[in-house]
């Protein structure tokens, strides 16, 4: 009986310690300028790389600048290297 009580007490203590660390974290402040970074709102160019495992696509503009975007799986399935497209950056809402 004492072993069960000790085991139960240990599980309760472990559970409270584990969940307590998540409660102490704060959400970082959102700054739209930081979230936007140095990428313009619209990029039009040619697809130079499609990375399916990471859901990333790299676009090269006519002036030679390259940008990498995250896209959903459905969009990536339709893209291939050499396609021309226009991408619009979506900044997360703050």
C-alpha atoms as a PDB file:
ATOM      1  CA  UNK A   1       0.000   0.000   0.000  1.00  0.00           C
ATOM      2  CA  UNK A   2       2.826   2.411   0.858  1.00  0.00           C
ATOM      3  CA  UNK A   3       4.541   1.650  -2.434  1.00  0.00           C
ATOM      4  CA  UNK A   4       1.388   2.571  -4.360  1.00  0.00           C
ATOM      5  CA  UNK A   5       1.029   5.856  -2.476  1.00  0.00           C
ATOM      6  CA  UNK A   6       4.703   6.697  -3.041  1.00  0.00           C
ATOM      7  CA  UNK A   7       4.423   5.818  -6.721  1.00  0.00           C
ATOM      8  CA  UNK A   8       1.281   7.919  -7.111  1.00  0.00           C
ATOM      9  CA  UNK A   9       2.928  10.861  -5.334  1.00  0.00           C
ATOM     10  CA  UNK A  10       5.976  10.586  -7.605  1.00  0.00           C
ATOM     11  CA  UNK A  11       3.784  10.553 -10.725  1.00  0.00           C
ATOM     12  CA  UNK A  12       1.833  13.615  -9.544  1.00  0.00           C
ATOM     13  CA  UNK A  13       5.064  15.487  -8.764  1.00  0.00           C
ATOM     14  CA  UNK A  14       6.584  14.559 -12.116  1.00  0.00           C
ATOM     15  CA  UNK A  15       3.435  15.634 -13.959  1.00  0.00           C
ATOM     16  CA  UNK A  16       3.306  18.997 -12.233  1.00  0.00           C
ATOM     17  CA  UNK A  17       6.984  19.671 -12.906  1.00  0.00           C
ATOM     18  CA  UNK A  18       6.641  18.725 -16.545  1.00  0.00           C
ATOM     19  CA  UNK A  19       3.554  20.889 -17.196  1.00  0.00           C
ATOM     20  CA  UNK A  20       4.817  23.772 -15.058  1.00  0.00           C
ATOM     21  CA  UNK A  21       7.687  24.532 -17.407  1.00  0.00           C
ATOM     22  CA  UNK A  22       5.295  25.030 -20.328  1.00  0.00           C
ATOM     23  CA  UNK A  23       3.108  27.385 -18.310  1.00  0.00           C
ATOM     24  CA  UNK A  24       6.076  29.611 -17.518  1.00  0.00           C
ATOM     25  CA  UNK A  25       6.883  30.311 -21.173  1.00  0.00           C
ATOM     26  CA  UNK A  26       5.720  33.543 -22.726  1.00  0.00           C
ATOM     27  CA  UNK A  27       4.826  34.168 -26.333  1.00  0.00           C
ATOM     28  CA  UNK A  28       7.407  36.373 -28.057  1.00  0.00           C
ATOM     29  CA  UNK A  29       6.257  39.807 -29.148  1.00  0.00           C
ATOM     30  CA  UNK A  30       5.235  39.948 -32.798  1.00  0.00           C
ATOM     31  CA  UNK A  31       6.753  42.662 -34.927  1.00  0.00           C
ATOM     32  CA  UNK A  32       5.442  42.721 -38.522  1.00  0.00           C
ATOM     33  CA  UNK A  33       8.690  44.242 -39.824  1.00  0.00           C
ATOM     34  CA  UNK A  34      10.741  41.416 -38.293  1.00  0.00           C
ATOM     35  CA  UNK A  35       8.272  38.786 -39.505  1.00  0.00           C
ATOM     36  CA  UNK A  36       8.433  40.259 -42.997  1.00  0.00           C
ATOM     37  CA  UNK A  37      12.227  40.329 -43.100  1.00  0.00           C
ATOM     38  CA  UNK A  38      13.936  41.502 -46.262  1.00  0.00           C
ATOM     39  CA  UNK A  39      11.597  39.716 -48.681  1.00  0.00           C
ATOM     40  CA  UNK A  40       9.333  41.981 -50.743  1.00  0.00           C
ATOM     41  CA  UNK A  41       5.573  41.476 -50.670  1.00  0.00           C
ATOM     42  CA  UNK A  42       5.458  40.133 -54.230  1.00  0.00           C
ATOM     43  CA  UNK A  43       8.117  38.203 -56.100  1.00  0.00           C
ATOM     44  CA  UNK A  44       7.755  37.136 -59.698  1.00  0.00           C
ATOM     45  CA  UNK A  45      10.261  34.943 -61.403  1.00  0.00           C
ATOM     46  CA  UNK A  46      11.257  31.413 -62.278  1.00  0.00           C
ATOM     47  CA  UNK A  47      11.226  28.377 -59.987  1.00  0.00           C
ATOM     48  CA  UNK A  48      14.803  27.148 -59.550  1.00  0.00           C
ATOM     49  CA  UNK A  49      14.282  24.603 -56.763  1.00  0.00           C
ATOM     50  CA  UNK A  50      11.361  22.674 -55.253  1.00  0.00           C
ATOM     51  CA  UNK A  51      12.122  20.934 -51.952  1.00  0.00           C
ATOM     52  CA  UNK A  52       9.215  18.598 -51.161  1.00  0.00           C
ATOM     53  CA  UNK A  53      10.449  17.275 -47.768  1.00  0.00           C
ATOM     54  CA  UNK A  54      10.665  20.794 -46.299  1.00  0.00           C
ATOM     55  CA  UNK A  55       7.815  22.326 -48.368  1.00  0.00           C
ATOM     56  CA  UNK A  56      10.114  25.072 -49.710  1.00  0.00           C
ATOM     57  CA  UNK A  57      10.318  26.619 -53.164  1.00  0.00           C
ATOM     58  CA  UNK A  58      13.109  28.876 -54.424  1.00  0.00           C
ATOM     59  CA  UNK A  59      12.272  31.602 -56.939  1.00  0.00           C
ATOM     60  CA  UNK A  60      14.779  33.596 -58.985  1.00  0.00           C
ATOM     61  CA  UNK A  61      13.775  37.053 -60.219  1.00  0.00           C
ATOM     62  CA  UNK A  62      14.842  38.488 -63.578  1.00  0.00           C
ATOM     63  CA  UNK A  63      17.454  40.651 -61.788  1.00  0.00           C
ATOM     64  CA  UNK A  64      19.125  37.523 -60.345  1.00  0.00           C
ATOM     65  CA  UNK A  65      17.891  37.761 -56.732  1.00  0.00           C
ATOM     66  CA  UNK A  66      16.608  34.510 -55.256  1.00  0.00           C
ATOM     67  CA  UNK A  67      13.967  34.077 -52.579  1.00  0.00           C
ATOM     68  CA  UNK A  68      12.877  30.984 -50.702  1.00  0.00           C
ATOM     69  CA  UNK A  69       9.266  30.499 -49.640  1.00  0.00           C
ATOM     70  CA  UNK A  70       7.343  27.907 -47.672  1.00  0.00           C
ATOM     71  CA  UNK A  71       4.355  26.542 -49.569  1.00  0.00           C
ATOM     72  CA  UNK A  72       1.678  23.984 -48.828  1.00  0.00           C
ATOM     73  CA  UNK A  73       2.029  20.459 -50.160  1.00  0.00           C
ATOM     74  CA  UNK A  74      -0.757  20.846 -52.745  1.00  0.00           C
ATOM     75  CA  UNK A  75       0.928  23.879 -54.291  1.00  0.00           C
ATOM     76  CA  UNK A  76       4.323  22.174 -54.425  1.00  0.00           C
ATOM     77  CA  UNK A  77       2.864  19.175 -56.252  1.00  0.00           C
ATOM     78  CA  UNK A  78       1.935  21.417 -59.176  1.00  0.00           C
ATOM     79  CA  UNK A  79       5.300  23.238 -59.357  1.00  0.00           C
ATOM     80  CA  UNK A  80       8.391  22.154 -61.218  1.00  0.00           C
ATOM     81  CA  UNK A  81      11.755  23.754 -61.958  1.00  0.00           C
ATOM     82  CA  UNK A  82      11.430  26.250 -64.797  1.00  0.00           C
ATOM     83  CA  UNK A  83       7.833  27.301 -64.027  1.00  0.00           C
ATOM     84  CA  UNK A  84       7.206  31.046 -63.962  1.00  0.00           C
ATOM     85  CA  UNK A  85       5.126  32.357 -61.093  1.00  0.00           C
ATOM     86  CA  UNK A  86       4.306  35.267 -58.854  1.00  0.00           C
ATOM     87  CA  UNK A  87       4.458  34.670 -55.106  1.00  0.00           C
ATOM     88  CA  UNK A  88       2.848  36.882 -52.477  1.00  0.00           C
ATOM     89  CA  UNK A  89       4.295  36.951 -48.975  1.00  0.00           C
ATOM     90  CA  UNK A  90       1.763  36.387 -46.201  1.00  0.00           C
ATOM     91  CA  UNK A  91       2.869  38.011 -42.959  1.00  0.00           C
ATOM     92  CA  UNK A  92       1.482  36.369 -39.803  1.00  0.00           C
ATOM     93  CA  UNK A  93      -1.098  38.478 -37.979  1.00  0.00           C
ATOM     94  CA  UNK A  94       0.112  39.999 -34.723  1.00  0.00           C
END
